[in-house]
N, C-alpha and C. Protein backbone atom coordinates (compact mmCIF):
# COMPACT_ATOMS: atom_id res chain seq x y z
N MET A 1 -8.55 2.66 38.87
CA MET A 1 -9.38 1.59 38.45
C MET A 1 -10.06 0.95 39.66
N SER A 2 -11.36 0.83 39.55
CA SER A 2 -12.05 0.22 40.68
C SER A 2 -12.18 -1.28 40.46
N ARG A 3 -12.05 -1.93 41.52
CA ARG A 3 -12.09 -3.39 41.47
C ARG A 3 -13.40 -3.89 42.08
N VAL A 4 -14.11 -4.75 41.38
CA VAL A 4 -15.38 -5.28 41.87
C VAL A 4 -15.08 -6.60 42.58
N SER A 5 -15.55 -6.68 43.77
CA SER A 5 -15.32 -7.91 44.55
C SER A 5 -16.50 -8.85 44.41
N ARG A 6 -16.21 -10.06 44.23
CA ARG A 6 -17.27 -11.07 44.12
C ARG A 6 -17.52 -11.74 45.47
N GLN A 7 -16.79 -11.40 46.45
CA GLN A 7 -16.89 -12.04 47.75
C GLN A 7 -18.32 -12.01 48.31
N PRO A 8 -19.03 -10.87 48.31
CA PRO A 8 -20.38 -10.87 48.88
C PRO A 8 -21.33 -11.80 48.12
N VAL A 9 -21.11 -11.99 46.83
CA VAL A 9 -21.99 -12.85 46.05
C VAL A 9 -21.77 -14.31 46.44
N ARG A 10 -20.53 -14.69 46.70
CA ARG A 10 -20.23 -16.08 47.05
C ARG A 10 -20.73 -16.45 48.44
N ARG A 11 -20.67 -15.56 49.36
CA ARG A 11 -21.06 -15.89 50.73
C ARG A 11 -22.50 -16.37 50.83
N PRO A 12 -23.47 -15.65 50.23
CA PRO A 12 -24.83 -16.16 50.33
C PRO A 12 -24.99 -17.52 49.65
N LEU A 13 -24.30 -17.72 48.52
CA LEU A 13 -24.40 -19.01 47.85
C LEU A 13 -23.77 -20.10 48.70
N THR A 14 -22.63 -19.80 49.32
CA THR A 14 -21.98 -20.77 50.17
C THR A 14 -22.86 -21.08 51.38
N GLY A 15 -23.44 -20.05 51.97
CA GLY A 15 -24.34 -20.25 53.10
C GLY A 15 -25.54 -21.08 52.72
N ALA A 16 -26.10 -20.81 51.54
CA ALA A 16 -27.24 -21.59 51.08
C ALA A 16 -26.85 -23.03 50.83
N ALA A 17 -25.66 -23.22 50.25
CA ALA A 17 -25.19 -24.60 50.00
C ALA A 17 -24.99 -25.35 51.31
N ILE A 18 -24.42 -24.69 52.30
CA ILE A 18 -24.22 -25.32 53.61
C ILE A 18 -25.57 -25.63 54.25
N GLY A 19 -26.49 -24.69 54.15
CA GLY A 19 -27.83 -24.92 54.70
C GLY A 19 -28.53 -26.09 54.03
N LEU A 20 -28.41 -26.18 52.70
CA LEU A 20 -29.01 -27.28 51.96
C LEU A 20 -28.37 -28.60 52.34
N LEU A 21 -27.05 -28.60 52.48
CA LEU A 21 -26.34 -29.81 52.90
C LEU A 21 -26.79 -30.23 54.29
N GLY A 22 -26.95 -29.25 55.18
CA GLY A 22 -27.42 -29.55 56.54
C GLY A 22 -28.80 -30.17 56.54
N LEU A 23 -29.70 -29.61 55.72
CA LEU A 23 -31.05 -30.17 55.62
C LEU A 23 -31.04 -31.59 55.08
N CYS A 24 -30.20 -31.84 54.08
CA CYS A 24 -30.10 -33.19 53.51
C CYS A 24 -29.57 -34.16 54.56
N SER A 25 -28.57 -33.73 55.32
CA SER A 25 -28.01 -34.59 56.36
C SER A 25 -29.05 -34.87 57.43
N LEU A 26 -29.79 -33.83 57.81
CA LEU A 26 -30.83 -33.99 58.81
C LEU A 26 -31.90 -34.95 58.33
N ALA A 27 -32.30 -34.84 57.09
CA ALA A 27 -33.30 -35.75 56.54
C ALA A 27 -32.78 -37.18 56.52
N ALA A 28 -31.53 -37.37 56.19
CA ALA A 28 -30.95 -38.72 56.17
C ALA A 28 -30.89 -39.28 57.57
N CYS A 29 -30.51 -38.45 58.54
CA CYS A 29 -30.43 -38.93 59.91
C CYS A 29 -31.80 -39.28 60.45
N SER A 30 -32.79 -38.44 60.17
CA SER A 30 -34.11 -38.72 60.72
C SER A 30 -34.73 -39.94 60.07
N SER A 31 -34.46 -40.19 58.81
CA SER A 31 -35.06 -41.36 58.18
C SER A 31 -34.40 -42.63 58.67
N SER A 32 -33.09 -42.61 58.93
CA SER A 32 -32.43 -43.82 59.42
C SER A 32 -32.74 -44.06 60.88
N SER A 33 -32.97 -42.99 61.68
CA SER A 33 -33.25 -43.18 63.08
C SER A 33 -34.68 -43.68 63.31
N ASN A 34 -35.55 -43.56 62.33
CA ASN A 34 -36.91 -44.06 62.46
C ASN A 34 -37.01 -45.54 62.14
N LYS A 35 -35.96 -46.10 61.61
CA LYS A 35 -35.96 -47.51 61.24
C LYS A 35 -35.86 -48.37 62.50
N ALA A 36 -36.74 -49.34 62.60
CA ALA A 36 -36.74 -50.23 63.75
C ALA A 36 -35.52 -51.14 63.70
N PRO A 37 -34.86 -51.34 64.85
CA PRO A 37 -33.70 -52.23 64.86
C PRO A 37 -34.14 -53.69 64.70
N THR A 38 -33.24 -54.50 64.18
CA THR A 38 -33.51 -55.93 64.05
C THR A 38 -32.84 -56.72 65.15
N SER A 39 -31.92 -56.05 65.87
CA SER A 39 -31.26 -56.71 67.00
C SER A 39 -30.96 -55.69 68.08
N LEU A 40 -30.75 -56.20 69.28
CA LEU A 40 -30.36 -55.37 70.41
C LEU A 40 -28.92 -55.73 70.76
N SER A 41 -28.13 -54.74 71.09
CA SER A 41 -26.74 -54.99 71.43
C SER A 41 -26.59 -55.06 72.95
N LEU A 42 -26.11 -56.19 73.42
CA LEU A 42 -25.88 -56.38 74.85
C LEU A 42 -24.42 -56.77 75.05
N SER A 43 -23.65 -55.83 75.55
CA SER A 43 -22.22 -56.05 75.76
C SER A 43 -21.54 -56.57 74.51
N GLY A 44 -21.91 -56.00 73.37
CA GLY A 44 -21.31 -56.39 72.10
C GLY A 44 -21.95 -57.57 71.41
N GLN A 45 -22.83 -58.28 72.10
CA GLN A 45 -23.52 -59.41 71.48
C GLN A 45 -24.86 -58.92 70.93
N LYS A 46 -25.20 -59.41 69.75
CA LYS A 46 -26.46 -59.04 69.12
C LYS A 46 -27.53 -60.07 69.47
N VAL A 47 -28.66 -59.57 69.96
CA VAL A 47 -29.80 -60.42 70.28
C VAL A 47 -30.93 -60.01 69.35
N PRO A 48 -31.51 -60.95 68.61
CA PRO A 48 -32.61 -60.59 67.69
C PRO A 48 -33.79 -59.97 68.45
N VAL A 49 -34.32 -58.90 67.90
CA VAL A 49 -35.48 -58.24 68.50
C VAL A 49 -36.65 -59.21 68.60
N THR A 50 -36.76 -60.12 67.64
CA THR A 50 -37.87 -61.08 67.66
C THR A 50 -37.85 -61.96 68.90
N GLN A 51 -36.67 -62.18 69.47
CA GLN A 51 -36.59 -62.97 70.70
C GLN A 51 -37.34 -62.25 71.82
N VAL A 52 -37.17 -60.94 71.90
CA VAL A 52 -37.82 -60.15 72.95
C VAL A 52 -39.31 -60.01 72.66
N THR A 53 -39.67 -59.68 71.43
CA THR A 53 -41.10 -59.49 71.12
C THR A 53 -41.87 -60.81 71.25
N THR A 54 -41.24 -61.92 70.92
CA THR A 54 -41.89 -63.22 71.11
C THR A 54 -42.10 -63.49 72.59
N GLY A 55 -41.13 -63.11 73.41
CA GLY A 55 -41.28 -63.27 74.86
C GLY A 55 -42.45 -62.48 75.40
N VAL A 56 -42.62 -61.25 74.93
CA VAL A 56 -43.75 -60.42 75.37
C VAL A 56 -45.06 -61.02 74.86
N SER A 57 -45.07 -61.51 73.63
CA SER A 57 -46.28 -62.17 73.10
C SER A 57 -46.65 -63.38 73.94
N ASN A 58 -45.64 -64.16 74.32
CA ASN A 58 -45.90 -65.34 75.16
C ASN A 58 -46.44 -64.95 76.53
N LEU A 59 -45.97 -63.82 77.05
CA LEU A 59 -46.51 -63.33 78.32
C LEU A 59 -47.99 -62.98 78.16
N CYS A 60 -48.36 -62.39 77.05
CA CYS A 60 -49.77 -62.07 76.79
C CYS A 60 -50.63 -63.33 76.80
N VAL A 61 -50.15 -64.36 76.13
CA VAL A 61 -50.88 -65.64 76.09
C VAL A 61 -50.98 -66.21 77.49
N LEU A 62 -49.90 -66.17 78.22
CA LEU A 62 -49.88 -66.69 79.59
C LEU A 62 -50.91 -65.98 80.46
N LEU A 63 -51.02 -64.66 80.32
CA LEU A 63 -51.99 -63.91 81.13
C LEU A 63 -53.42 -64.30 80.79
N LYS A 64 -53.66 -64.65 79.54
CA LYS A 64 -55.01 -65.07 79.14
C LYS A 64 -55.38 -66.41 79.77
N THR A 65 -54.40 -67.28 79.95
CA THR A 65 -54.68 -68.62 80.48
C THR A 65 -54.47 -68.72 81.98
N PHE A 66 -54.02 -67.65 82.61
CA PHE A 66 -53.71 -67.69 84.04
C PHE A 66 -54.87 -68.16 84.90
N LYS A 67 -56.05 -67.61 84.67
CA LYS A 67 -57.20 -67.95 85.52
C LYS A 67 -57.55 -69.43 85.47
N SER A 68 -57.39 -70.03 84.31
CA SER A 68 -57.74 -71.44 84.19
C SER A 68 -56.65 -72.38 84.71
N ASP A 69 -55.39 -71.94 84.70
CA ASP A 69 -54.31 -72.82 85.15
C ASP A 69 -53.12 -72.01 85.69
N PRO A 70 -53.26 -71.47 86.92
CA PRO A 70 -52.19 -70.65 87.48
C PRO A 70 -50.87 -71.41 87.68
N THR A 71 -50.95 -72.70 87.99
CA THR A 71 -49.73 -73.48 88.21
C THR A 71 -48.93 -73.62 86.92
N ALA A 72 -49.60 -73.90 85.82
CA ALA A 72 -48.92 -74.00 84.53
C ALA A 72 -48.35 -72.65 84.12
N SER A 73 -49.04 -71.59 84.49
CA SER A 73 -48.56 -70.24 84.17
C SER A 73 -47.21 -69.97 84.80
N ARG A 74 -47.00 -70.50 86.00
CA ARG A 74 -45.73 -70.28 86.70
C ARG A 74 -44.56 -70.87 85.90
N SER A 75 -44.67 -72.14 85.54
CA SER A 75 -43.56 -72.75 84.80
C SER A 75 -43.44 -72.17 83.39
N THR A 76 -44.57 -71.84 82.79
CA THR A 76 -44.55 -71.25 81.45
C THR A 76 -43.82 -69.91 81.46
N TYR A 77 -44.03 -69.12 82.50
CA TYR A 77 -43.38 -67.81 82.60
C TYR A 77 -41.86 -67.98 82.72
N PHE A 78 -41.41 -68.82 83.63
CA PHE A 78 -39.98 -68.96 83.86
C PHE A 78 -39.28 -69.69 82.71
N ASP A 79 -40.00 -70.52 82.00
CA ASP A 79 -39.42 -71.20 80.84
C ASP A 79 -39.52 -70.36 79.56
N GLY A 80 -40.37 -69.36 79.57
CA GLY A 80 -40.63 -68.58 78.36
C GLY A 80 -40.25 -67.11 78.47
N PRO A 81 -41.19 -66.23 78.82
CA PRO A 81 -40.96 -64.79 78.78
C PRO A 81 -39.88 -64.27 79.73
N TYR A 82 -39.58 -64.98 80.79
CA TYR A 82 -38.63 -64.53 81.81
C TYR A 82 -37.29 -64.10 81.19
N GLY A 83 -36.68 -64.95 80.40
CA GLY A 83 -35.38 -64.64 79.78
C GLY A 83 -35.43 -63.45 78.85
N PRO A 84 -36.35 -63.44 77.87
CA PRO A 84 -36.44 -62.28 76.97
C PRO A 84 -36.73 -60.96 77.68
N LEU A 85 -37.49 -61.00 78.77
CA LEU A 85 -37.75 -59.77 79.52
C LEU A 85 -36.46 -59.26 80.17
N HIS A 86 -35.62 -60.17 80.63
CA HIS A 86 -34.33 -59.76 81.19
C HIS A 86 -33.43 -59.19 80.10
N VAL A 87 -33.49 -59.74 78.90
CA VAL A 87 -32.74 -59.19 77.78
C VAL A 87 -33.20 -57.76 77.51
N LEU A 88 -34.51 -57.55 77.51
CA LEU A 88 -35.05 -56.21 77.29
C LEU A 88 -34.59 -55.26 78.39
N ALA A 89 -34.64 -55.71 79.64
CA ALA A 89 -34.21 -54.86 80.76
C ALA A 89 -32.74 -54.47 80.61
N ALA A 90 -31.92 -55.40 80.12
CA ALA A 90 -30.49 -55.12 79.93
C ALA A 90 -30.27 -54.13 78.78
N ALA A 91 -31.13 -54.17 77.78
CA ALA A 91 -31.00 -53.26 76.63
C ALA A 91 -31.47 -51.85 76.97
N LEU A 92 -32.37 -51.74 77.94
CA LEU A 92 -32.89 -50.43 78.33
C LEU A 92 -31.90 -49.73 79.25
N LYS A 93 -32.07 -48.44 79.38
CA LYS A 93 -31.18 -47.65 80.24
C LYS A 93 -31.98 -46.95 81.32
N GLY A 94 -31.35 -46.72 82.44
CA GLY A 94 -31.90 -45.89 83.50
C GLY A 94 -33.21 -46.37 84.08
N THR A 95 -34.14 -45.41 84.21
CA THR A 95 -35.39 -45.72 84.89
C THR A 95 -36.25 -46.73 84.14
N GLN A 96 -36.16 -46.76 82.82
CA GLN A 96 -36.96 -47.74 82.09
C GLN A 96 -36.53 -49.16 82.43
N SER A 97 -35.24 -49.37 82.56
CA SER A 97 -34.74 -50.69 82.94
C SER A 97 -35.20 -51.05 84.35
N SER A 98 -35.03 -50.12 85.28
CA SER A 98 -35.42 -50.42 86.66
C SER A 98 -36.94 -50.56 86.79
N ASP A 99 -37.71 -49.80 86.03
CA ASP A 99 -39.17 -49.94 86.06
C ASP A 99 -39.59 -51.33 85.57
N LEU A 100 -38.95 -51.79 84.49
CA LEU A 100 -39.27 -53.12 83.98
C LEU A 100 -38.89 -54.20 84.99
N LEU A 101 -37.73 -54.07 85.59
CA LEU A 101 -37.31 -55.06 86.59
C LEU A 101 -38.23 -55.07 87.81
N ARG A 102 -38.70 -53.89 88.23
CA ARG A 102 -39.66 -53.82 89.34
C ARG A 102 -40.98 -54.48 88.96
N ALA A 103 -41.44 -54.25 87.74
CA ALA A 103 -42.69 -54.88 87.28
C ALA A 103 -42.52 -56.40 87.22
N MET A 104 -41.36 -56.86 86.78
CA MET A 104 -41.10 -58.30 86.75
C MET A 104 -41.12 -58.87 88.17
N GLU A 105 -40.47 -58.18 89.09
CA GLU A 105 -40.40 -58.65 90.47
C GLU A 105 -41.80 -58.75 91.08
N ALA A 106 -42.64 -57.74 90.85
CA ALA A 106 -44.00 -57.76 91.40
C ALA A 106 -44.80 -58.92 90.83
N TYR A 107 -44.70 -59.12 89.52
CA TYR A 107 -45.42 -60.22 88.87
C TYR A 107 -44.91 -61.57 89.38
N GLU A 108 -43.61 -61.73 89.47
CA GLU A 108 -43.03 -62.99 89.93
C GLU A 108 -43.41 -63.28 91.38
N ARG A 109 -43.43 -62.25 92.22
CA ARG A 109 -43.82 -62.42 93.62
C ARG A 109 -45.25 -62.97 93.69
N ASP A 110 -46.15 -62.37 92.92
CA ASP A 110 -47.54 -62.85 92.89
C ASP A 110 -47.62 -64.26 92.32
N LEU A 111 -46.92 -64.49 91.26
CA LEU A 111 -46.99 -65.77 90.56
C LEU A 111 -46.49 -66.92 91.43
N LEU A 112 -45.52 -66.64 92.31
CA LEU A 112 -44.95 -67.68 93.16
C LEU A 112 -45.75 -67.96 94.42
N MET A 113 -46.75 -67.14 94.70
CA MET A 113 -47.60 -67.40 95.88
C MET A 113 -48.48 -68.60 95.59
N THR A 114 -48.77 -69.35 96.67
CA THR A 114 -49.67 -70.49 96.52
C THR A 114 -50.86 -70.27 97.44
N PRO A 115 -52.03 -70.12 96.90
CA PRO A 115 -52.33 -69.93 95.49
C PRO A 115 -51.97 -68.51 95.06
N ALA A 116 -51.75 -68.35 93.79
CA ALA A 116 -51.45 -67.01 93.25
C ALA A 116 -52.69 -66.13 93.39
N PRO A 117 -52.52 -64.91 93.87
CA PRO A 117 -53.68 -64.03 94.05
C PRO A 117 -54.29 -63.60 92.71
N ALA A 118 -55.56 -63.22 92.78
CA ALA A 118 -56.25 -62.75 91.57
C ALA A 118 -55.56 -61.52 90.99
N ALA A 119 -54.88 -60.74 91.83
CA ALA A 119 -54.19 -59.53 91.38
C ALA A 119 -52.99 -59.86 90.48
N THR A 120 -52.64 -61.14 90.36
CA THR A 120 -51.51 -61.52 89.51
C THR A 120 -51.75 -61.06 88.07
N VAL A 121 -52.98 -61.11 87.61
CA VAL A 121 -53.28 -60.65 86.25
C VAL A 121 -53.01 -59.15 86.14
N THR A 122 -53.34 -58.40 87.18
CA THR A 122 -53.10 -56.96 87.19
C THR A 122 -51.60 -56.66 87.15
N THR A 123 -50.82 -57.37 87.96
CA THR A 123 -49.37 -57.14 87.94
C THR A 123 -48.78 -57.62 86.61
N GLY A 124 -49.37 -58.65 86.03
CA GLY A 124 -48.94 -59.12 84.71
C GLY A 124 -49.22 -58.09 83.63
N ASN A 125 -50.39 -57.46 83.70
CA ASN A 125 -50.72 -56.40 82.73
C ASN A 125 -49.78 -55.20 82.89
N ALA A 126 -49.41 -54.89 84.13
CA ALA A 126 -48.45 -53.80 84.36
C ALA A 126 -47.08 -54.17 83.78
N LEU A 127 -46.72 -55.44 83.87
CA LEU A 127 -45.46 -55.91 83.28
C LEU A 127 -45.49 -55.77 81.76
N VAL A 128 -46.60 -56.15 81.15
CA VAL A 128 -46.73 -56.00 79.69
C VAL A 128 -46.62 -54.52 79.31
N ALA A 129 -47.28 -53.66 80.06
CA ALA A 129 -47.23 -52.22 79.76
C ALA A 129 -45.81 -51.68 79.87
N SER A 130 -45.08 -52.12 80.88
CA SER A 130 -43.70 -51.68 81.05
C SER A 130 -42.81 -52.19 79.91
N ALA A 131 -43.02 -53.45 79.52
CA ALA A 131 -42.25 -54.01 78.39
C ALA A 131 -42.59 -53.27 77.10
N ASP A 132 -43.86 -52.97 76.88
CA ASP A 132 -44.28 -52.23 75.68
C ASP A 132 -43.61 -50.85 75.64
N SER A 133 -43.59 -50.17 76.77
CA SER A 133 -42.96 -48.86 76.85
C SER A 133 -41.47 -48.95 76.52
N GLY A 134 -40.83 -49.98 77.05
CA GLY A 134 -39.41 -50.18 76.77
C GLY A 134 -39.15 -50.46 75.30
N LEU A 135 -39.98 -51.30 74.71
CA LEU A 135 -39.81 -51.61 73.29
C LEU A 135 -39.99 -50.35 72.44
N ARG A 136 -41.00 -49.55 72.75
CA ARG A 136 -41.23 -48.31 72.00
C ARG A 136 -40.04 -47.36 72.11
N SER A 137 -39.43 -47.30 73.30
CA SER A 137 -38.28 -46.41 73.47
C SER A 137 -37.09 -46.86 72.63
N LEU A 138 -37.06 -48.15 72.30
CA LEU A 138 -36.00 -48.68 71.43
C LEU A 138 -36.43 -48.67 69.96
N LYS A 139 -37.58 -48.05 69.69
CA LYS A 139 -38.14 -47.95 68.34
C LYS A 139 -38.55 -49.32 67.77
N VAL A 140 -38.98 -50.18 68.69
CA VAL A 140 -39.47 -51.52 68.31
C VAL A 140 -40.98 -51.54 68.55
N LYS A 141 -41.72 -51.99 67.55
CA LYS A 141 -43.18 -52.07 67.69
C LYS A 141 -43.51 -53.24 68.62
N PRO A 142 -44.18 -52.96 69.74
CA PRO A 142 -44.54 -54.05 70.64
C PRO A 142 -45.64 -54.93 70.04
N PRO A 143 -45.69 -56.18 70.45
CA PRO A 143 -46.74 -57.05 69.94
C PRO A 143 -48.10 -56.62 70.49
N THR A 144 -49.14 -56.94 69.77
CA THR A 144 -50.49 -56.64 70.23
C THR A 144 -50.85 -57.63 71.32
N CYS A 145 -51.34 -57.11 72.41
CA CYS A 145 -51.66 -57.98 73.55
C CYS A 145 -53.02 -57.56 74.09
N SER A 146 -53.96 -58.47 74.04
CA SER A 146 -55.27 -58.19 74.63
C SER A 146 -55.54 -59.25 75.68
N THR A 147 -55.55 -58.80 76.93
CA THR A 147 -55.79 -59.75 78.04
C THR A 147 -57.15 -59.55 78.61
């Protein structure tokens, strides 16, 4: 009596089922990873993303008003965007963090000169670009900034 084995029939179905499950898992992972975070985790503490994006928006406004009032821009920066930019730098990893900190240092150096050089707007724009790049890497939409 010959015996018919069903084993070869099950293997393709099992493989197809595993493949389908893998595709479903991949689709679920990709859809959840595209979702923008609402907070950033810093040493276990949650910081609202809006705190950082508002800081970058305030920097944009500051850069627009710099030419008319550089002295006010100095205090506005340290009272406003300075803290949120440091939060962003802490949330970033590696070169993005150090690039943002270098851009902040260059802008602050210019801003603290008396009088602040005209290039301060250029270093400020570089700071905004670095912050925007960092936000994008965290899947956060940066604020629109036109200086």
